[in-house]
């Protein structure tokens, strides 16, 4: 009986297995979402509106957030869709983060363990804090889960050369896009690059080091347009955000964007 259950099509399809959570998240958002804007929602929307108008930085040149999430928001604003549509996308993102976490784990652990970990993540209460808000947290969660799947596929022994290269490129792009969404990862990328170059110089025959360096190369190519843009604005190389050494300046300006 257990064997028949494991061979069941629904049981083998994570999109179907975890679909009840998608319904749960949609219901949660519809219940708890409110009219008006909360906290940083106005800033994200303001940056998205700037993108529609052909630029990113506001007139005072404060760069509080990277363009990753505003790029996602821009089409919703361009078509003047209700904000609840954006919030409902969080349900899809959190649901897909479970699916891709499961798919990644299935490549390296047993079905049972992958299922337990995925269900734990699906029920993790902290995820619900931002589920009904137009914040980048749930979006970032989905991107990280997708990155995990791409990396496991890229390095998994079962992946052929062509497939592995495809996932190496996707992994690099995903790291870059995560960094554009959460700019603090820009400094993580730099540290990883230094460490990997050092390790590769010690053992140039290590295939995994070369693969990792290739991933970071793609990641840096992905973020290069934004860094070129910020350099033109500020004259500073590798400039990610007003946050950091200029956090007090950001707080003192109180820039809330067009929608604030």
Protein backbone atom coordinates (compact mmCIF):
# COMPACT_ATOMS: atom_id res chain seq x y z
CA UNK A 1 0.00 0.00 0.00
CA UNK A 2 2.84 2.39 0.92
CA UNK A 3 4.54 1.58 -2.40
CA UNK A 4 1.35 2.41 -4.31
CA UNK A 5 1.06 5.67 -2.39
CA UNK A 6 4.62 6.65 -3.31
CA UNK A 7 3.91 5.91 -6.96
CA UNK A 8 0.81 8.10 -6.89
CA UNK A 9 1.09 10.99 -9.34
CA UNK A 10 -0.13 13.58 -6.85
CA UNK A 11 2.32 12.35 -4.22
CA UNK A 12 5.22 12.82 -6.66
CA UNK A 13 4.19 16.29 -7.80
CA UNK A 14 5.26 19.00 -5.30
CA UNK A 15 3.09 21.60 -7.02
CA UNK A 16 0.05 19.54 -6.08
CA UNK A 17 1.32 18.32 -2.71
CA UNK A 18 1.84 21.87 -1.42
CA UNK A 19 -1.12 23.49 -3.21
CA UNK A 20 -3.23 23.67 0.02
CA UNK A 21 -0.66 26.13 1.38
CA UNK A 22 -1.22 28.39 -1.63
CA UNK A 23 -4.92 28.52 -0.77
CA UNK A 24 -4.07 29.16 2.89
CA UNK A 25 -1.78 32.06 1.99
CA UNK A 26 -4.37 33.62 -0.34
CA UNK A 27 -7.02 33.48 2.40
CA UNK A 28 -4.57 34.96 4.92
CA UNK A 29 -3.76 37.90 2.62
CA UNK A 30 -7.40 38.61 1.84
CA UNK A 31 -8.23 38.64 5.55
CA UNK A 32 -5.32 40.74 6.84
CA UNK A 33 -4.50 43.08 3.95
CA UNK A 34 -5.61 46.67 4.52
CA UNK A 35 -6.22 49.74 2.44
CA UNK A 36 -3.49 52.37 2.33
CA UNK A 37 0.26 51.98 2.59
CA UNK A 38 2.38 50.77 5.47
CA UNK A 39 6.03 51.55 6.22
CA UNK A 40 8.41 51.01 3.30
CA UNK A 41 5.63 50.13 0.86
CA UNK A 42 5.58 53.76 -0.30
CA UNK A 43 9.30 53.70 -1.01
CA UNK A 44 9.13 50.54 -3.09
CA UNK A 45 6.21 51.92 -5.05
CA UNK A 46 7.97 55.24 -5.55
CA UNK A 47 11.04 53.51 -7.00
CA UNK A 48 8.81 51.39 -9.24
CA UNK A 49 7.09 54.54 -10.47
CA UNK A 50 10.50 56.08 -11.18
CA UNK A 51 11.39 53.06 -13.33
CA UNK A 52 8.24 53.55 -15.37
CA UNK A 53 9.29 57.16 -15.93
CA UNK A 54 12.74 56.08 -17.16
CA UNK A 55 14.98 56.62 -14.13
CA UNK A 56 15.50 55.08 -10.69
CA UNK A 57 17.01 57.43 -8.13
CA UNK A 58 14.72 60.15 -6.71
CA UNK A 59 15.72 63.82 -7.10
CA UNK A 60 17.63 63.83 -3.79
CA UNK A 61 19.60 60.76 -4.99
CA UNK A 62 18.83 58.66 -1.93
CA UNK A 63 19.05 54.98 -2.81
CA UNK A 64 17.37 53.22 0.07
CA UNK A 65 16.54 49.97 -1.73
CA UNK A 66 17.92 48.13 -4.71
CA UNK A 67 15.88 47.90 -7.92
CA UNK A 68 15.09 44.17 -7.73
CA UNK A 69 11.67 44.42 -6.12
CA UNK A 70 10.66 47.70 -7.82
CA UNK A 71 11.35 46.03 -11.19
CA UNK A 72 8.75 43.41 -10.24
CA UNK A 73 6.30 46.09 -9.05
CA UNK A 74 6.63 48.31 -12.13
CA UNK A 75 4.26 46.35 -14.46
CA UNK A 76 1.52 46.39 -11.81
CA UNK A 77 1.79 50.16 -11.56
CA UNK A 78 2.07 50.60 -15.31
CA UNK A 79 -1.27 48.79 -15.79
CA UNK A 80 -2.78 50.50 -12.73
CA UNK A 81 -3.70 47.20 -11.07
CA UNK A 82 -5.06 47.18 -7.50
CA UNK A 83 -2.46 46.79 -4.76
CA UNK A 84 -4.18 43.60 -3.60
CA UNK A 85 -2.95 41.95 -6.82
CA UNK A 86 0.65 42.61 -5.76
CA UNK A 87 -0.04 41.32 -2.27
CA UNK A 88 -1.63 38.14 -3.63
CA UNK A 89 1.58 37.49 -5.57
CA UNK A 90 3.21 36.98 -2.16
CA UNK A 91 1.04 33.90 -1.76
CA UNK A 92 2.40 32.53 -5.02
CA UNK A 93 5.99 33.42 -4.11
CA UNK A 94 5.86 31.77 -0.69
CA UNK A 95 4.16 28.71 -2.16
CA UNK A 96 6.82 28.43 -4.89
CA UNK A 97 9.57 28.84 -2.30
CA UNK A 98 8.25 25.66 -0.64
CA UNK A 99 8.09 23.82 -3.96
CA UNK A 100 11.65 24.68 -5.00
CA UNK A 101 13.02 24.02 -1.52
CA UNK A 102 11.46 20.57 -1.73
CA UNK A 103 12.78 19.98 -5.26
CA UNK A 104 16.30 20.96 -4.15
CA UNK A 105 16.20 18.78 -1.05
CA UNK A 106 14.92 15.79 -3.01
CA UNK A 107 18.18 15.75 -4.93
CA UNK A 108 20.27 15.30 -1.78
CA UNK A 109 18.06 13.78 0.95
CA UNK A 110 15.20 11.31 1.30
CA UNK A 111 11.64 12.15 0.31
CA UNK A 112 10.51 12.01 3.92
CA UNK A 113 13.14 14.46 5.17
CA UNK A 114 12.54 16.81 2.23
CA UNK A 115 8.81 16.75 2.96
CA UNK A 116 9.28 17.43 6.70
CA UNK A 117 11.63 20.36 6.13
CA UNK A 118 9.39 21.82 3.42
CA UNK A 119 6.27 21.60 5.58
CA UNK A 120 8.15 23.20 8.46
CA UNK A 121 9.08 26.07 6.16
CA UNK A 122 5.50 26.32 4.88
CA UNK A 123 4.25 26.75 8.45
CA UNK A 124 7.07 29.00 9.66
CA UNK A 125 5.18 31.78 11.44
CA UNK A 126 7.72 34.55 10.71
CA UNK A 127 6.90 34.27 7.00
CA UNK A 128 3.37 35.44 7.70
CA UNK A 129 4.60 38.76 9.10
CA UNK A 130 5.19 40.20 5.61
CA UNK A 131 2.79 38.04 3.61
CA UNK A 132 0.09 40.73 3.33
CA UNK A 133 2.54 43.61 2.71
CA UNK A 134 4.22 44.96 -0.42
CA UNK A 135 7.67 44.31 1.02
CA UNK A 136 10.56 42.50 -0.64
CA UNK A 137 10.92 39.83 2.07
CA UNK A 138 8.59 37.18 0.59
CA UNK A 139 9.88 37.93 -2.91
CA UNK A 140 13.46 37.46 -1.65
CA UNK A 141 12.49 34.19 0.01
CA UNK A 142 11.28 32.86 -3.33
CA UNK A 143 14.48 33.99 -5.08
CA UNK A 144 16.67 32.32 -2.46
CA UNK A 145 14.72 29.07 -2.70
CA UNK A 146 15.05 29.17 -6.48
CA UNK A 147 18.79 29.86 -6.14
CA UNK A 148 19.16 26.85 -3.85
CA UNK A 149 17.49 24.63 -6.45
CA UNK A 150 19.68 26.01 -9.27
CA UNK A 151 22.90 25.53 -7.29
CA UNK A 152 22.06 21.97 -6.28
CA UNK A 153 21.26 21.16 -9.92
CA UNK A 154 24.46 22.82 -11.11
CA UNK A 155 26.69 20.78 -8.80
CA UNK A 156 24.70 17.54 -8.70
CA UNK A 157 26.53 14.54 -10.22
CA UNK A 158 23.47 13.55 -12.26
CA UNK A 159 23.55 16.81 -14.24
CA UNK A 160 25.26 16.55 -17.60
CA UNK A 161 27.76 19.14 -18.81
CA UNK A 162 25.20 21.13 -20.80
CA UNK A 163 22.60 21.02 -18.03
CA UNK A 164 25.17 21.92 -15.40
CA UNK A 165 26.31 24.96 -17.38
CA UNK A 166 22.71 26.12 -17.77
CA UNK A 167 22.17 25.97 -14.02
CA UNK A 168 25.51 27.65 -13.33
CA UNK A 169 24.36 30.60 -15.43
CA UNK A 170 20.93 30.63 -13.76
CA UNK A 171 22.59 30.47 -10.32
CA UNK A 172 24.79 33.46 -11.15
CA UNK A 173 21.86 35.47 -12.47
CA UNK A 174 19.81 34.60 -9.39
CA UNK A 175 22.58 35.68 -7.01
CA UNK A 176 22.79 38.94 -8.93
CA UNK A 177 19.05 39.53 -8.80
CA UNK A 178 18.90 38.68 -5.09
CA UNK A 179 21.65 41.26 -4.57
CA UNK A 180 19.67 43.85 -6.51
CA UNK A 181 16.75 43.08 -4.20
CA UNK A 182 18.74 42.97 -0.96
CA UNK A 183 21.81 45.10 -1.63
CA UNK A 184 23.66 43.96 1.48
CA UNK A 185 24.49 40.79 -0.48
CA UNK A 186 26.71 42.94 -2.70
CA UNK A 187 29.34 42.87 0.02
CA UNK A 188 28.78 39.15 0.57
CA UNK A 189 29.48 38.62 -3.14
CA UNK A 190 32.74 40.55 -2.83
CA UNK A 191 33.89 38.48 0.16
CA UNK A 192 32.97 35.24 -1.62
CA UNK A 193 34.94 36.35 -4.67
CA UNK A 194 38.07 37.03 -2.62
CA UNK A 195 37.79 33.71 -0.77
CA UNK A 196 37.13 31.70 -3.94
CA UNK A 197 40.00 33.27 -5.84
CA UNK A 198 42.31 32.41 -2.92
CA UNK A 199 41.04 28.79 -2.79
CA UNK A 200 41.29 28.44 -6.56
CA UNK A 201 44.90 29.68 -6.54
CA UNK A 202 45.74 27.02 -3.95
CA UNK A 203 44.11 24.25 -6.00
CA UNK A 204 43.54 25.23 -9.63
CA UNK A 205 42.43 21.72 -10.51
CA UNK A 206 39.35 21.87 -8.28
CA UNK A 207 36.38 21.87 -10.66
CA UNK A 208 33.93 23.14 -8.06
CA UNK A 209 36.04 26.24 -7.40
CA UNK A 210 36.00 27.06 -11.11
CA UNK A 211 32.26 26.53 -11.24
CA UNK A 212 31.76 28.79 -8.23
CA UNK A 213 33.90 31.51 -9.78
CA UNK A 214 31.87 31.26 -12.97
CA UNK A 215 28.66 31.69 -10.95
CA UNK A 216 30.05 34.82 -9.31
CA UNK A 217 31.19 36.16 -12.68
CA UNK A 218 27.62 35.88 -13.99
CA UNK A 219 26.35 37.49 -10.78
CA UNK A 220 28.67 40.48 -11.19
CA UNK A 221 27.63 40.84 -14.84
CA UNK A 222 23.99 40.86 -13.69
CA UNK A 223 24.52 43.68 -11.20
CA UNK A 224 26.97 45.65 -13.37
CA UNK A 225 24.33 47.95 -14.98
CA UNK A 226 23.11 49.06 -11.55
CA UNK A 227 26.65 49.66 -10.28
CA UNK A 228 27.48 51.67 -13.41
CA UNK A 229 24.32 53.71 -12.82
CA UNK A 230 25.16 54.42 -9.17
CA UNK A 231 28.73 55.33 -10.12
CA UNK A 232 27.45 57.89 -12.62
CA UNK A 233 25.16 59.33 -9.94
CA UNK A 234 27.60 59.42 -7.04
CA UNK A 235 31.10 59.10 -8.51
CA UNK A 236 31.67 56.22 -6.07
CA UNK A 237 32.68 52.75 -7.20
CA UNK A 238 30.75 49.72 -5.95
CA UNK A 239 28.07 51.96 -4.48
CA UNK A 240 24.96 49.99 -3.56
CA UNK A 241 22.80 52.07 -1.29
CA UNK A 242 22.49 55.14 0.86
CA UNK A 243 22.33 52.72 3.76
CA UNK A 244 25.68 51.96 5.33
CA UNK A 245 27.98 54.83 6.12
CA UNK A 246 25.20 57.24 5.22
CA UNK A 247 22.34 55.64 7.14
CA UNK A 248 21.88 58.73 9.29
CA UNK A 249 21.53 60.82 6.14
CA UNK A 250 18.77 58.53 4.88
CA UNK A 251 16.91 58.73 8.17
CA UNK A 252 17.27 62.51 8.35
CA UNK A 253 15.83 63.05 4.85
CA UNK A 254 12.71 61.04 5.68
CA UNK A 255 12.15 60.41 1.95
CA UNK A 256 8.88 58.50 1.66
CA UNK A 257 8.53 58.63 -2.10
CA UNK A 258 5.67 59.76 -4.28
CA UNK A 259 3.15 57.51 -2.54
CA UNK A 260 4.09 58.50 1.02
